[in-house]
Amino acid sequence: MGERIPTQVLESFECAPGLRLSAHEKLAAVHHENLSRRLDQLEAVLERLEKRIWLTVYGVVAVILAQAFQSILAAVPHP
């Protein structure tokens, strides 16, 4: 009756709420990793889109300047 069990022999006891919490934490970590990956993909897509928009803007400005330069050349008399 007075025997004591050494603490090294005892295994840790995990109860159901503790297991559920552990599973929830793992699931939350997986969700966070997926969201981070998707956010990185969206940022890459937005960067490409921004480059395309700036190229379009520069193209439109170049066309407007070319037309203005052409009309100036047409207005200047040739010797």
N, C-alpha and C. Protein backbone atom coordinates (compact mmCIF):
# COMPACT_ATOMS: atom_id res chain seq x y z
N MET A 1 0.81 -1.19 0.00
CA MET A 1 0.00 0.00 0.00
C MET A 1 0.85 1.25 0.00
N GLY A 2 1.97 1.19 0.53
CA GLY A 2 2.84 2.35 0.59
C GLY A 2 3.79 2.43 -0.60
N GLU A 3 3.57 1.57 -1.61
CA GLU A 3 4.47 1.59 -2.76
C GLU A 3 4.22 2.83 -3.61
N ARG A 4 5.29 3.39 -4.08
CA ARG A 4 5.18 4.54 -4.96
C ARG A 4 5.65 4.14 -6.35
N ILE A 5 4.96 4.63 -7.34
CA ILE A 5 5.34 4.34 -8.73
C ILE A 5 6.29 5.45 -9.17
N PRO A 6 7.45 5.08 -9.73
CA PRO A 6 8.38 6.12 -10.19
C PRO A 6 7.73 6.96 -11.30
N THR A 7 8.05 8.23 -11.30
CA THR A 7 7.43 9.13 -12.27
C THR A 7 7.92 8.87 -13.69
N GLN A 8 9.07 8.25 -13.86
CA GLN A 8 9.56 7.95 -15.20
C GLN A 8 8.71 6.88 -15.88
N VAL A 9 8.08 6.02 -15.13
CA VAL A 9 7.29 4.93 -15.69
C VAL A 9 5.94 5.43 -16.19
N LEU A 10 5.40 6.45 -15.58
CA LEU A 10 4.09 6.96 -15.95
C LEU A 10 4.15 7.66 -17.30
N GLU A 11 3.20 7.39 -18.15
CA GLU A 11 3.10 8.05 -19.44
C GLU A 11 2.19 9.27 -19.29
N SER A 12 2.41 10.23 -20.15
CA SER A 12 1.55 11.41 -20.08
C SER A 12 0.16 11.03 -20.56
N PHE A 13 -0.81 11.60 -19.91
CA PHE A 13 -2.20 11.31 -20.23
C PHE A 13 -2.78 12.49 -20.98
N GLU A 14 -3.30 12.24 -22.18
CA GLU A 14 -3.92 13.30 -22.95
C GLU A 14 -5.41 13.05 -23.01
N CYS A 15 -6.18 14.03 -22.61
CA CYS A 15 -7.62 13.89 -22.60
C CYS A 15 -8.21 14.40 -23.92
N ALA A 16 -9.44 14.13 -24.15
CA ALA A 16 -10.09 14.49 -25.41
C ALA A 16 -10.06 15.99 -25.69
N PRO A 17 -10.36 16.86 -24.72
CA PRO A 17 -10.29 18.30 -25.02
C PRO A 17 -8.88 18.74 -25.42
N GLY A 18 -7.89 18.15 -24.80
CA GLY A 18 -6.51 18.49 -25.16
C GLY A 18 -6.17 18.04 -26.57
N LEU A 19 -6.66 16.89 -26.96
CA LEU A 19 -6.43 16.40 -28.32
C LEU A 19 -7.15 17.26 -29.34
N ARG A 20 -8.38 17.67 -29.00
CA ARG A 20 -9.13 18.54 -29.91
C ARG A 20 -8.43 19.87 -30.09
N LEU A 21 -7.90 20.41 -29.01
CA LEU A 21 -7.18 21.67 -29.08
C LEU A 21 -5.93 21.53 -29.94
N SER A 22 -5.22 20.45 -29.76
CA SER A 22 -4.02 20.20 -30.55
C SER A 22 -4.38 20.06 -32.03
N ALA A 23 -5.43 19.34 -32.33
CA ALA A 23 -5.86 19.18 -33.72
C ALA A 23 -6.28 20.52 -34.31
N HIS A 24 -6.98 21.33 -33.51
CA HIS A 24 -7.40 22.65 -33.99
C HIS A 24 -6.19 23.54 -34.27
N GLU A 25 -5.19 23.49 -33.42
CA GLU A 25 -3.99 24.30 -33.63
C GLU A 25 -3.27 23.88 -34.91
N LYS A 26 -3.19 22.56 -35.16
CA LYS A 26 -2.56 22.08 -36.39
C LYS A 26 -3.35 22.52 -37.61
N LEU A 27 -4.66 22.42 -37.53
CA LEU A 27 -5.51 22.84 -38.64
C LEU A 27 -5.39 24.34 -38.89
N ALA A 28 -5.34 25.12 -37.83
CA ALA A 28 -5.18 26.57 -37.98
C ALA A 28 -3.83 26.90 -38.62
N ALA A 29 -2.79 26.16 -38.27
CA ALA A 29 -1.47 26.38 -38.87
C ALA A 29 -1.50 26.06 -40.36
N VAL A 30 -2.18 24.99 -40.74
CA VAL A 30 -2.29 24.63 -42.16
C VAL A 30 -3.07 25.70 -42.92
N HIS A 31 -4.16 26.17 -42.33
CA HIS A 31 -4.95 27.24 -42.96
C HIS A 31 -4.11 28.50 -43.12
N HIS A 32 -3.34 28.83 -42.11
CA HIS A 32 -2.50 30.03 -42.18
C HIS A 32 -1.45 29.90 -43.28
N GLU A 33 -0.83 28.74 -43.41
CA GLU A 33 0.15 28.53 -44.46
C GLU A 33 -0.48 28.65 -45.84
N ASN A 34 -1.67 28.07 -46.01
CA ASN A 34 -2.37 28.15 -47.29
C ASN A 34 -2.75 29.59 -47.62
N LEU A 35 -3.23 30.32 -46.64
CA LEU A 35 -3.59 31.72 -46.87
C LEU A 35 -2.36 32.56 -47.22
N SER A 36 -1.25 32.29 -46.56
CA SER A 36 -0.02 33.02 -46.87
C SER A 36 0.44 32.73 -48.29
N ARG A 37 0.35 31.46 -48.70
CA ARG A 37 0.75 31.09 -50.05
C ARG A 37 -0.16 31.76 -51.08
N ARG A 38 -1.46 31.75 -50.82
CA ARG A 38 -2.40 32.39 -51.75
C ARG A 38 -2.18 33.90 -51.81
N LEU A 39 -1.88 34.50 -50.68
CA LEU A 39 -1.61 35.94 -50.66
C LEU A 39 -0.36 36.25 -51.48
N ASP A 40 0.67 35.43 -51.37
CA ASP A 40 1.87 35.63 -52.17
C ASP A 40 1.56 35.51 -53.66
N GLN A 41 0.71 34.54 -54.02
CA GLN A 41 0.33 34.38 -55.43
C GLN A 41 -0.45 35.59 -55.92
N LEU A 42 -1.37 36.09 -55.09
CA LEU A 42 -2.14 37.28 -55.47
C LEU A 42 -1.24 38.50 -55.64
N GLU A 43 -0.27 38.65 -54.76
CA GLU A 43 0.66 39.77 -54.88
C GLU A 43 1.45 39.69 -56.17
N ALA A 44 1.87 38.49 -56.57
CA ALA A 44 2.60 38.31 -57.82
C ALA A 44 1.72 38.66 -59.01
N VAL A 45 0.46 38.24 -58.97
CA VAL A 45 -0.47 38.55 -60.05
C VAL A 45 -0.71 40.05 -60.13
N LEU A 46 -0.85 40.70 -59.00
CA LEU A 46 -1.07 42.15 -58.99
C LEU A 46 0.14 42.90 -59.52
N GLU A 47 1.35 42.43 -59.22
CA GLU A 47 2.54 43.07 -59.74
C GLU A 47 2.59 42.96 -61.26
N ARG A 48 2.27 41.79 -61.79
CA ARG A 48 2.25 41.63 -63.25
C ARG A 48 1.19 42.52 -63.88
N LEU A 49 0.01 42.59 -63.24
CA LEU A 49 -1.06 43.44 -63.75
C LEU A 49 -0.65 44.91 -63.73
N GLU A 50 0.02 45.32 -62.67
CA GLU A 50 0.48 46.71 -62.57
C GLU A 50 1.46 47.03 -63.69
N LYS A 51 2.37 46.10 -63.99
CA LYS A 51 3.32 46.33 -65.09
C LYS A 51 2.59 46.48 -66.41
N ARG A 52 1.58 45.63 -66.63
CA ARG A 52 0.82 45.73 -67.88
C ARG A 52 0.06 47.05 -67.97
N ILE A 53 -0.50 47.49 -66.87
CA ILE A 53 -1.24 48.76 -66.88
C ILE A 53 -0.30 49.91 -67.20
N TRP A 54 0.90 49.93 -66.58
CA TRP A 54 1.85 51.00 -66.86
C TRP A 54 2.32 50.97 -68.31
N LEU A 55 2.52 49.77 -68.85
CA LEU A 55 2.90 49.68 -70.27
C LEU A 55 1.80 50.23 -71.15
N THR A 56 0.56 49.98 -70.82
CA THR A 56 -0.57 50.51 -71.57
C THR A 56 -0.62 52.03 -71.47
N VAL A 57 -0.43 52.55 -70.27
CA VAL A 57 -0.45 54.00 -70.07
C VAL A 57 0.68 54.65 -70.88
N TYR A 58 1.88 54.08 -70.81
CA TYR A 58 3.00 54.64 -71.58
C TYR A 58 2.73 54.54 -73.08
N GLY A 59 2.10 53.46 -73.52
CA GLY A 59 1.76 53.32 -74.94
C GLY A 59 0.78 54.39 -75.39
N VAL A 60 -0.24 54.65 -74.59
CA VAL A 60 -1.23 55.68 -74.94
C VAL A 60 -0.58 57.05 -74.97
N VAL A 61 0.26 57.35 -74.00
CA VAL A 61 0.96 58.64 -73.98
C VAL A 61 1.87 58.76 -75.20
N ALA A 62 2.55 57.69 -75.57
CA ALA A 62 3.43 57.72 -76.74
C ALA A 62 2.63 58.00 -78.01
N VAL A 63 1.45 57.41 -78.14
CA VAL A 63 0.61 57.65 -79.32
C VAL A 63 0.15 59.10 -79.36
N ILE A 64 -0.26 59.63 -78.23
CA ILE A 64 -0.71 61.03 -78.17
C ILE A 64 0.43 61.98 -78.52
N LEU A 65 1.62 61.73 -77.97
CA LEU A 65 2.77 62.58 -78.29
C LEU A 65 3.17 62.47 -79.75
N ALA A 66 3.08 61.27 -80.31
CA ALA A 66 3.41 61.09 -81.73
C ALA A 66 2.43 61.85 -82.62
N GLN A 67 1.15 61.81 -82.28
CA GLN A 67 0.16 62.56 -83.06
C GLN A 67 0.38 64.06 -82.94
N ALA A 68 0.73 64.51 -81.72
CA ALA A 68 1.00 65.95 -81.53
C ALA A 68 2.23 66.35 -82.32
N PHE A 69 3.27 65.55 -82.29
CA PHE A 69 4.48 65.86 -83.04
C PHE A 69 4.21 65.85 -84.54
N GLN A 70 3.39 64.93 -85.01
CA GLN A 70 3.05 64.84 -86.41
C GLN A 70 2.26 66.07 -86.86
N SER A 71 1.34 66.54 -86.02
CA SER A 71 0.56 67.72 -86.39
C SER A 71 1.44 68.96 -86.37
N ILE A 72 2.45 69.02 -85.48
CA ILE A 72 3.39 70.15 -85.47
C ILE A 72 4.22 70.13 -86.76
N LEU A 73 4.68 68.97 -87.15
CA LEU A 73 5.46 68.87 -88.39
C LEU A 73 4.63 69.24 -89.60
N ALA A 74 3.35 68.92 -89.61
CA ALA A 74 2.48 69.26 -90.73
C ALA A 74 2.21 70.76 -90.76
N ALA A 75 2.23 71.44 -89.63
CA ALA A 75 1.97 72.88 -89.58
C ALA A 75 3.19 73.72 -89.96
N VAL A 76 4.37 73.17 -89.79
CA VAL A 76 5.60 73.93 -90.10
C VAL A 76 5.81 73.91 -91.62
N PRO A 77 6.01 75.08 -92.20
CA PRO A 77 6.23 75.13 -93.65
C PRO A 77 7.60 74.55 -94.03
N HIS A 78 7.65 73.85 -95.15
CA HIS A 78 8.89 73.27 -95.63
C HIS A 78 9.56 74.24 -96.60
N PRO A 79 10.88 74.41 -96.56
CA PRO A 79 11.53 75.38 -97.48
C PRO A 79 11.65 74.88 -98.89
